[in-house]
Amino acid sequence: MSFSEGLEVVQFRDSWWITMWWPEGAVSGGPQKIVIEAAPDAPPGDVARGISTTVLRRMDLAEAVRKAQETAPTSPPWQAQEGRLVELAALAGRLLGEEGVSQRYLSVLCLTYRDLVDKGVQAPVPWLAEQVGRKPDSIKDHLKKARRDGLLTSRAGRAGGDLTEVARAALEGVEGGRFSRN
């Protein structure tokens, strides 16, 4: 099985190949895709019975994550889009300087934060703080305000979130809307 660009870890359990896939960038958690398929030399009887709960229990997710983390590139995961992310962070800094903690500023900040988290960056707030020229605690407070103001959704127990329609609308007027597509 071949996925798009990214990282694969394969395990063989009983008569089954388990392929786990992560997108390019840092590995900060479990795989985004798992495919289980019969091994080429699997006994036909095993394949006919299908995938059992035993096969699923024997899948070693912790080991796969460890291998993926060892194999993943060590360069910063946002490096592939560094130009865009640096531009977004700089724009957020400019908007903060010009407008204060405005809806447009918060929307650009949220977009940048979301993209960093989606790239697997484990600590996006310190990077954002450095780029925007504020302390990490200030950026955390701004992200909390953005959530309260309905610009960024929450992910239970996880970093990140999705931009709301309110945030997307605010981005339409920023830099000709060129960042609002994402």
Protein backbone atom coordinates (compact mmCIF):
# COMPACT_ATOMS: atom_id res chain seq x y z
CA MET A 1 0.00 0.00 0.00
CA SER A 2 1.37 3.41 -0.87
CA PHE A 3 0.07 6.68 0.52
CA SER A 4 0.86 10.21 -0.57
CA GLU A 5 4.06 11.80 0.66
CA GLY A 6 4.64 11.16 4.30
CA LEU A 7 5.96 8.48 6.60
CA GLU A 8 4.86 4.85 6.77
CA VAL A 9 5.46 2.23 9.44
CA VAL A 10 4.47 -1.36 8.64
CA GLN A 11 3.85 -4.17 11.12
CA PHE A 12 3.14 -7.83 10.34
CA ARG A 13 0.57 -9.44 12.66
CA ASP A 14 -0.61 -12.99 12.05
CA SER A 15 -1.53 -13.01 8.32
CA TRP A 16 -1.97 -9.26 8.05
CA TRP A 17 0.11 -6.25 7.05
CA ILE A 18 -0.73 -3.14 9.10
CA THR A 19 0.44 0.07 7.43
CA MET A 20 0.35 3.25 9.50
CA TRP A 21 0.84 6.65 7.85
CA TRP A 22 1.80 10.12 9.07
CA PRO A 23 1.97 13.27 6.91
CA GLU A 24 5.31 14.96 6.29
CA GLY A 25 6.71 16.82 9.27
CA ALA A 26 7.14 16.08 12.93
CA VAL A 27 5.38 13.09 14.45
CA SER A 28 3.49 14.34 17.48
CA GLY A 29 0.96 11.54 17.93
CA GLY A 30 -0.61 8.53 16.34
CA PRO A 31 -0.97 7.91 12.62
CA GLN A 32 -3.58 9.65 10.48
CA LYS A 33 -4.29 6.51 8.45
CA ILE A 34 -4.14 2.80 9.20
CA VAL A 35 -4.67 0.16 6.52
CA ILE A 36 -4.84 -3.53 7.28
CA GLU A 37 -4.56 -5.94 4.36
CA ALA A 38 -3.78 -9.60 3.87
CA ALA A 39 -0.12 -10.42 3.48
CA PRO A 40 0.70 -11.81 0.01
CA ASP A 41 1.57 -15.24 1.45
CA ALA A 42 -1.31 -15.36 3.97
CA PRO A 43 -3.16 -18.67 4.18
CA PRO A 44 -6.49 -18.35 2.32
CA GLY A 45 -8.39 -19.65 5.35
CA ASP A 46 -7.04 -16.84 7.57
CA VAL A 47 -7.97 -14.21 4.99
CA ALA A 48 -11.46 -15.66 4.54
CA ARG A 49 -12.14 -15.28 8.28
CA GLY A 50 -11.17 -11.60 8.09
CA ILE A 51 -9.40 -9.34 10.56
CA SER A 52 -9.94 -10.43 14.14
CA THR A 53 -9.88 -8.43 17.34
CA THR A 54 -6.70 -10.35 18.18
CA VAL A 55 -4.96 -8.77 15.17
CA LEU A 56 -6.13 -5.34 16.32
CA ARG A 57 -4.97 -5.94 19.90
CA ARG A 58 -1.55 -7.07 18.66
CA MET A 59 -1.06 -3.88 16.68
CA ASP A 60 1.68 -2.05 18.59
CA LEU A 61 0.77 1.60 18.19
CA ALA A 62 3.31 2.81 20.77
CA GLU A 63 6.13 1.05 18.93
CA ALA A 64 4.93 2.44 15.58
CA VAL A 65 4.89 6.01 16.99
CA ARG A 66 8.39 5.52 18.40
CA LYS A 67 9.68 4.29 15.02
CA ALA A 68 7.93 7.10 13.20
CA GLN A 69 9.44 9.70 15.54
CA GLU A 70 12.92 8.22 15.00
CA THR A 71 12.46 8.29 11.23
CA ALA A 72 10.75 11.68 10.88
CA PRO A 73 12.88 14.58 9.67
CA THR A 74 14.63 16.50 12.41
CA SER A 75 14.33 19.86 10.66
CA PRO A 76 11.52 22.10 11.84
CA PRO A 77 8.27 20.73 10.41
CA TRP A 78 7.14 24.11 9.17
CA GLN A 79 10.29 24.55 7.09
CA ALA A 80 8.52 23.45 3.89
CA GLN A 81 6.10 26.36 4.24
CA GLU A 82 8.33 28.55 6.33
CA GLY A 83 7.89 31.50 4.00
CA ARG A 84 4.10 31.44 4.28
CA LEU A 85 4.09 30.90 8.04
CA VAL A 86 6.68 33.61 8.61
CA GLU A 87 4.61 35.95 6.41
CA LEU A 88 1.47 35.16 8.39
CA ALA A 89 3.20 35.68 11.73
CA ALA A 90 4.69 38.97 10.51
CA LEU A 91 1.26 40.07 9.32
CA ALA A 92 -0.19 39.22 12.73
CA GLY A 93 2.54 41.33 14.36
CA ARG A 94 1.78 44.27 12.04
CA LEU A 95 -1.95 44.03 12.69
CA LEU A 96 -1.37 43.86 16.44
CA GLY A 97 0.78 47.00 16.25
CA GLU A 98 -1.73 48.87 14.08
CA GLU A 99 -5.07 47.68 15.52
CA GLY A 100 -4.34 46.09 18.87
CA VAL A 101 -6.09 42.84 19.70
CA SER A 102 -8.59 43.19 16.87
CA GLN A 103 -10.69 40.53 15.18
CA ARG A 104 -8.45 40.69 12.10
CA TYR A 105 -5.30 40.24 14.19
CA LEU A 106 -6.81 37.34 16.14
CA SER A 107 -7.98 35.66 12.91
CA VAL A 108 -4.49 35.82 11.37
CA LEU A 109 -2.97 34.61 14.65
CA CYS A 110 -5.44 31.69 14.75
CA LEU A 111 -4.72 30.77 11.13
CA THR A 112 -0.99 30.72 11.80
CA TYR A 113 -1.45 28.77 15.05
CA ARG A 114 -3.72 26.21 13.37
CA ASP A 115 -1.27 25.68 10.50
CA LEU A 116 1.64 25.20 12.91
CA VAL A 117 -0.32 22.63 14.94
CA ASP A 118 -1.46 20.86 11.77
CA LYS A 119 2.18 20.61 10.67
CA GLY A 120 2.98 18.81 13.92
CA VAL A 121 4.81 21.62 15.69
CA GLN A 122 4.86 20.60 19.33
CA ALA A 123 5.28 24.08 20.82
CA PRO A 124 3.81 26.63 18.39
CA VAL A 125 3.15 29.38 20.96
CA PRO A 126 6.82 30.22 21.72
CA TRP A 127 7.59 30.41 17.99
CA LEU A 128 4.53 32.60 17.40
CA ALA A 129 5.47 34.84 20.34
CA GLU A 130 8.95 35.35 18.97
CA GLN A 131 7.64 36.16 15.49
CA VAL A 132 4.91 38.53 16.73
CA GLY A 133 7.19 40.21 19.27
CA ARG A 134 5.20 39.34 22.38
CA LYS A 135 5.63 37.01 25.35
CA PRO A 136 4.23 33.47 25.08
CA ASP A 137 1.73 34.20 27.87
CA SER A 138 0.33 37.10 25.82
CA ILE A 139 -0.09 34.89 22.75
CA LYS A 140 -1.82 32.24 24.89
CA ASP A 141 -4.18 34.93 26.21
CA HIS A 142 -4.88 36.12 22.66
CA LEU A 143 -5.69 32.56 21.54
CA LYS A 144 -8.02 32.14 24.53
CA LYS A 145 -9.74 35.39 23.61
CA ALA A 146 -10.09 34.19 20.02
CA ARG A 147 -11.83 31.04 21.27
CA ARG A 148 -14.12 33.08 23.54
CA ASP A 149 -14.92 35.43 20.65
CA GLY A 150 -15.86 32.51 18.40
CA LEU A 151 -12.91 32.69 15.98
CA LEU A 152 -11.26 29.35 16.78
CA THR A 153 -12.88 26.09 17.81
CA SER A 154 -11.49 23.82 20.52
CA ARG A 155 -10.20 20.29 20.23
CA ALA A 156 -10.88 18.44 23.46
CA GLY A 157 -7.58 17.88 25.23
CA ARG A 158 -5.52 18.85 22.18
CA ALA A 159 -3.85 21.90 20.72
CA GLY A 160 -5.19 23.55 17.60
CA GLY A 161 -8.71 24.00 16.37
CA ASP A 162 -10.54 25.10 13.27
CA LEU A 163 -11.22 28.59 12.04
CA THR A 164 -14.86 29.56 12.27
CA GLU A 165 -16.87 31.37 9.61
CA VAL A 166 -16.40 34.56 11.64
CA ALA A 167 -12.60 34.20 11.40
CA ARG A 168 -12.75 33.35 7.69
CA ALA A 169 -14.86 36.45 7.06
CA ALA A 170 -12.33 38.59 8.94
CA LEU A 171 -9.51 37.12 6.82
CA GLU A 172 -11.25 38.13 3.58
CA GLY A 173 -10.24 41.72 4.15
CA VAL A 174 -6.65 40.94 5.09
CA GLU A 175 -4.00 41.21 2.37
CA GLY A 176 -6.65 40.85 -0.31
CA GLY A 177 -7.88 37.61 1.25
CA ARG A 178 -4.86 35.69 -0.04
CA PHE A 179 -4.49 33.76 3.22
CA SER A 180 -8.17 32.99 3.67
CA ARG A 181 -8.20 29.95 1.39
CA ASN A 182 -6.71 27.76 4.11
